[in-house]
Amino acid sequence: MATPDIGAWVAAMARDLVDHPEAVSVASFEEDGIMVFELSVDPPELGRVIGRQGRTVQALRTLLEAAGARQGAYYELEIVE
């Protein structure tokens, strides 16, 4: 079974949320055994990614946690302004 590209998945999910998908980028790095994904979008569209009271970004983080549990890894999502 091939390892999924979690960074590409995060980018695809974010592109579905915004009006300017070409401005979405995801960078990743490992810190203390945790794979951290930094998501950046067009500044006027931060609200779409974060959602009301942070619900959208929390849902993305929950999905990442589930994917990590399935892969035996820890993933974290950060929104970069």
N, C-alpha and C. Protein backbone atom coordinates (compact mmCIF):
# COMPACT_ATOMS: atom_id res chain seq x y z
N MET A 1 0.84 -1.18 0.00
CA MET A 1 0.00 0.00 0.00
C MET A 1 0.88 1.24 0.00
N ALA A 2 0.62 2.17 -0.90
CA ALA A 2 1.43 3.38 -1.02
C ALA A 2 1.08 4.37 0.08
N THR A 3 2.09 5.13 0.50
CA THR A 3 1.89 6.16 1.50
C THR A 3 1.21 7.35 0.85
N PRO A 4 0.11 7.83 1.44
CA PRO A 4 -0.58 8.97 0.83
C PRO A 4 0.22 10.26 0.99
N ASP A 5 0.02 11.17 0.06
CA ASP A 5 0.66 12.48 0.14
C ASP A 5 -0.27 13.41 0.91
N ILE A 6 -0.05 13.50 2.20
CA ILE A 6 -0.93 14.27 3.08
C ILE A 6 -0.88 15.76 2.74
N GLY A 7 0.28 16.28 2.38
CA GLY A 7 0.41 17.68 2.01
C GLY A 7 -0.46 18.03 0.81
N ALA A 8 -0.48 17.16 -0.19
CA ALA A 8 -1.32 17.38 -1.37
C ALA A 8 -2.79 17.32 -1.00
N TRP A 9 -3.13 16.43 -0.07
CA TRP A 9 -4.51 16.33 0.39
C TRP A 9 -4.95 17.61 1.10
N VAL A 10 -4.09 18.15 1.97
CA VAL A 10 -4.39 19.39 2.67
C VAL A 10 -4.59 20.52 1.66
N ALA A 11 -3.72 20.60 0.67
CA ALA A 11 -3.83 21.64 -0.35
C ALA A 11 -5.13 21.49 -1.14
N ALA A 12 -5.50 20.27 -1.48
CA ALA A 12 -6.73 20.04 -2.24
C ALA A 12 -7.95 20.45 -1.42
N MET A 13 -7.96 20.13 -0.14
CA MET A 13 -9.08 20.51 0.72
C MET A 13 -9.17 22.04 0.82
N ALA A 14 -8.04 22.71 0.96
CA ALA A 14 -8.04 24.17 1.07
C ALA A 14 -8.48 24.81 -0.25
N ARG A 15 -8.05 24.25 -1.37
CA ARG A 15 -8.45 24.80 -2.68
C ARG A 15 -9.95 24.74 -2.88
N ASP A 16 -10.59 23.73 -2.32
CA ASP A 16 -12.04 23.61 -2.42
C ASP A 16 -12.77 24.66 -1.60
N LEU A 17 -12.10 25.25 -0.63
CA LEU A 17 -12.73 26.21 0.27
C LEU A 17 -12.63 27.66 -0.22
N VAL A 18 -11.66 27.97 -1.06
CA VAL A 18 -11.37 29.37 -1.40
C VAL A 18 -11.78 29.70 -2.83
N ASP A 19 -11.84 31.01 -3.11
CA ASP A 19 -12.16 31.47 -4.46
C ASP A 19 -10.94 31.54 -5.37
N HIS A 20 -9.75 31.66 -4.79
CA HIS A 20 -8.51 31.74 -5.56
C HIS A 20 -7.60 30.55 -5.21
N PRO A 21 -7.91 29.38 -5.77
CA PRO A 21 -7.16 28.18 -5.41
C PRO A 21 -5.68 28.24 -5.81
N GLU A 22 -5.34 29.09 -6.78
CA GLU A 22 -3.94 29.18 -7.20
C GLU A 22 -3.06 29.80 -6.12
N ALA A 23 -3.66 30.48 -5.14
CA ALA A 23 -2.90 31.13 -4.07
C ALA A 23 -2.65 30.19 -2.88
N VAL A 24 -3.17 28.98 -2.93
CA VAL A 24 -3.00 28.03 -1.84
C VAL A 24 -1.64 27.35 -1.95
N SER A 25 -0.93 27.31 -0.82
CA SER A 25 0.33 26.56 -0.80
C SER A 25 0.49 25.88 0.55
N VAL A 26 1.15 24.74 0.52
CA VAL A 26 1.37 23.97 1.74
C VAL A 26 2.85 23.64 1.82
N ALA A 27 3.44 23.98 2.95
CA ALA A 27 4.82 23.61 3.23
C ALA A 27 4.80 22.66 4.42
N SER A 28 5.75 21.76 4.48
CA SER A 28 5.78 20.82 5.60
C SER A 28 7.20 20.66 6.13
N PHE A 29 7.25 20.36 7.41
CA PHE A 29 8.52 20.05 8.05
C PHE A 29 8.23 19.17 9.25
N GLU A 30 9.26 18.49 9.72
CA GLU A 30 9.10 17.61 10.87
C GLU A 30 9.73 18.26 12.09
N GLU A 31 8.99 18.23 13.18
CA GLU A 31 9.45 18.83 14.43
C GLU A 31 9.11 17.88 15.57
N ASP A 32 10.12 17.37 16.23
CA ASP A 32 9.93 16.45 17.37
C ASP A 32 9.05 15.26 17.02
N GLY A 33 9.22 14.70 15.85
CA GLY A 33 8.47 13.53 15.44
C GLY A 33 7.07 13.83 14.93
N ILE A 34 6.71 15.10 14.83
CA ILE A 34 5.39 15.50 14.34
C ILE A 34 5.56 16.17 12.99
N MET A 35 4.80 15.72 12.00
CA MET A 35 4.83 16.35 10.69
C MET A 35 3.89 17.55 10.73
N VAL A 36 4.46 18.74 10.53
CA VAL A 36 3.70 19.98 10.60
C VAL A 36 3.48 20.49 9.17
N PHE A 37 2.21 20.80 8.86
CA PHE A 37 1.85 21.35 7.56
C PHE A 37 1.45 22.80 7.76
N GLU A 38 2.13 23.69 7.04
CA GLU A 38 1.83 25.12 7.09
C GLU A 38 1.03 25.48 5.85
N LEU A 39 -0.19 25.90 6.07
CA LEU A 39 -1.11 26.25 4.98
C LEU A 39 -1.17 27.76 4.85
N SER A 40 -0.93 28.25 3.63
CA SER A 40 -1.07 29.69 3.39
C SER A 40 -2.05 29.89 2.23
N VAL A 41 -2.90 30.89 2.40
CA VAL A 41 -3.89 31.25 1.40
C VAL A 41 -3.86 32.76 1.22
N ASP A 42 -4.61 33.25 0.25
CA ASP A 42 -4.75 34.69 0.04
C ASP A 42 -5.28 35.32 1.34
N PRO A 43 -4.67 36.39 1.85
CA PRO A 43 -5.11 36.97 3.12
C PRO A 43 -6.61 37.27 3.23
N PRO A 44 -7.27 37.78 2.17
CA PRO A 44 -8.71 38.01 2.31
C PRO A 44 -9.53 36.73 2.49
N GLU A 45 -8.94 35.58 2.19
CA GLU A 45 -9.67 34.32 2.27
C GLU A 45 -9.34 33.49 3.51
N LEU A 46 -8.60 34.07 4.44
CA LEU A 46 -8.28 33.35 5.67
C LEU A 46 -9.55 32.94 6.41
N GLY A 47 -10.54 33.81 6.41
CA GLY A 47 -11.79 33.52 7.10
C GLY A 47 -12.50 32.30 6.57
N ARG A 48 -12.40 32.07 5.27
CA ARG A 48 -13.02 30.88 4.68
C ARG A 48 -12.35 29.60 5.17
N VAL A 49 -11.05 29.64 5.33
CA VAL A 49 -10.31 28.45 5.76
C VAL A 49 -10.50 28.23 7.26
N ILE A 50 -10.53 29.31 8.02
CA ILE A 50 -10.69 29.18 9.47
C ILE A 50 -12.13 28.85 9.83
N GLY A 51 -13.08 29.50 9.18
CA GLY A 51 -14.49 29.23 9.44
C GLY A 51 -15.00 29.96 10.66
N ARG A 52 -16.29 29.88 10.85
CA ARG A 52 -16.91 30.53 12.01
C ARG A 52 -16.45 29.85 13.29
N GLN A 53 -15.93 30.64 14.19
CA GLN A 53 -15.41 30.17 15.47
C GLN A 53 -14.37 29.06 15.29
N GLY A 54 -13.68 29.05 14.13
CA GLY A 54 -12.61 28.09 13.89
C GLY A 54 -13.08 26.68 13.57
N ARG A 55 -14.34 26.53 13.23
CA ARG A 55 -14.87 25.18 13.01
C ARG A 55 -14.27 24.50 11.79
N THR A 56 -14.06 25.24 10.71
CA THR A 56 -13.54 24.62 9.48
C THR A 56 -12.12 24.12 9.69
N VAL A 57 -11.27 24.97 10.25
CA VAL A 57 -9.88 24.54 10.48
C VAL A 57 -9.82 23.42 11.51
N GLN A 58 -10.72 23.43 12.47
CA GLN A 58 -10.74 22.35 13.45
C GLN A 58 -11.15 21.04 12.80
N ALA A 59 -12.08 21.10 11.85
CA ALA A 59 -12.47 19.90 11.12
C ALA A 59 -11.30 19.35 10.30
N LEU A 60 -10.54 20.24 9.66
CA LEU A 60 -9.35 19.80 8.92
C LEU A 60 -8.34 19.15 9.86
N ARG A 61 -8.16 19.75 11.03
CA ARG A 61 -7.21 19.18 12.00
C ARG A 61 -7.67 17.81 12.49
N THR A 62 -8.97 17.65 12.68
CA THR A 62 -9.51 16.36 13.10
C THR A 62 -9.28 15.31 12.03
N LEU A 63 -9.50 15.66 10.77
CA LEU A 63 -9.24 14.73 9.68
C LEU A 63 -7.77 14.35 9.59
N LEU A 64 -6.89 15.34 9.81
CA LEU A 64 -5.45 15.06 9.82
C LEU A 64 -5.09 14.12 10.96
N GLU A 65 -5.70 14.32 12.10
CA GLU A 65 -5.44 13.44 13.25
C GLU A 65 -5.87 12.01 12.93
N ALA A 66 -7.01 11.86 12.28
CA ALA A 66 -7.49 10.53 11.90
C ALA A 66 -6.56 9.89 10.87
N ALA A 67 -6.11 10.68 9.89
CA ALA A 67 -5.17 10.16 8.90
C ALA A 67 -3.86 9.74 9.56
N GLY A 68 -3.41 10.53 10.51
CA GLY A 68 -2.18 10.19 11.23
C GLY A 68 -2.33 8.92 12.03
N ALA A 69 -3.47 8.75 12.67
CA ALA A 69 -3.70 7.53 13.44
C ALA A 69 -3.68 6.31 12.53
N ARG A 70 -4.23 6.47 11.37
CA ARG A 70 -4.26 5.36 10.40
C ARG A 70 -2.86 5.03 9.89
N GLN A 71 -2.01 6.07 9.74
CA GLN A 71 -0.66 5.89 9.22
C GLN A 71 0.37 5.65 10.32
N GLY A 72 -0.04 5.79 11.56
CA GLY A 72 0.89 5.63 12.67
C GLY A 72 1.82 6.83 12.80
N ALA A 73 1.32 8.02 12.48
CA ALA A 73 2.13 9.24 12.52
C ALA A 73 1.31 10.34 13.18
N TYR A 74 1.98 11.43 13.51
CA TYR A 74 1.31 12.59 14.07
C TYR A 74 1.41 13.74 13.09
N TYR A 75 0.26 14.33 12.76
CA TYR A 75 0.21 15.45 11.84
C TYR A 75 -0.39 16.66 12.55
N GLU A 76 0.09 17.83 12.17
CA GLU A 76 -0.40 19.07 12.74
C GLU A 76 -0.59 20.08 11.61
N LEU A 77 -1.61 20.93 11.72
CA LEU A 77 -1.89 21.93 10.71
C LEU A 77 -1.78 23.32 11.32
N GLU A 78 -1.01 24.17 10.67
CA GLU A 78 -0.88 25.57 11.08
C GLU A 78 -1.28 26.44 9.90
N ILE A 79 -2.01 27.52 10.20
CA ILE A 79 -2.41 28.48 9.19
C ILE A 79 -1.41 29.63 9.23
N VAL A 80 -0.79 29.93 8.11
CA VAL A 80 0.21 31.01 8.04
C VAL A 80 -0.45 32.23 7.44
N GLU A 81 -0.30 33.35 8.13
CA GLU A 81 -0.89 34.60 7.63
C GLU A 81 0.04 35.29 6.69
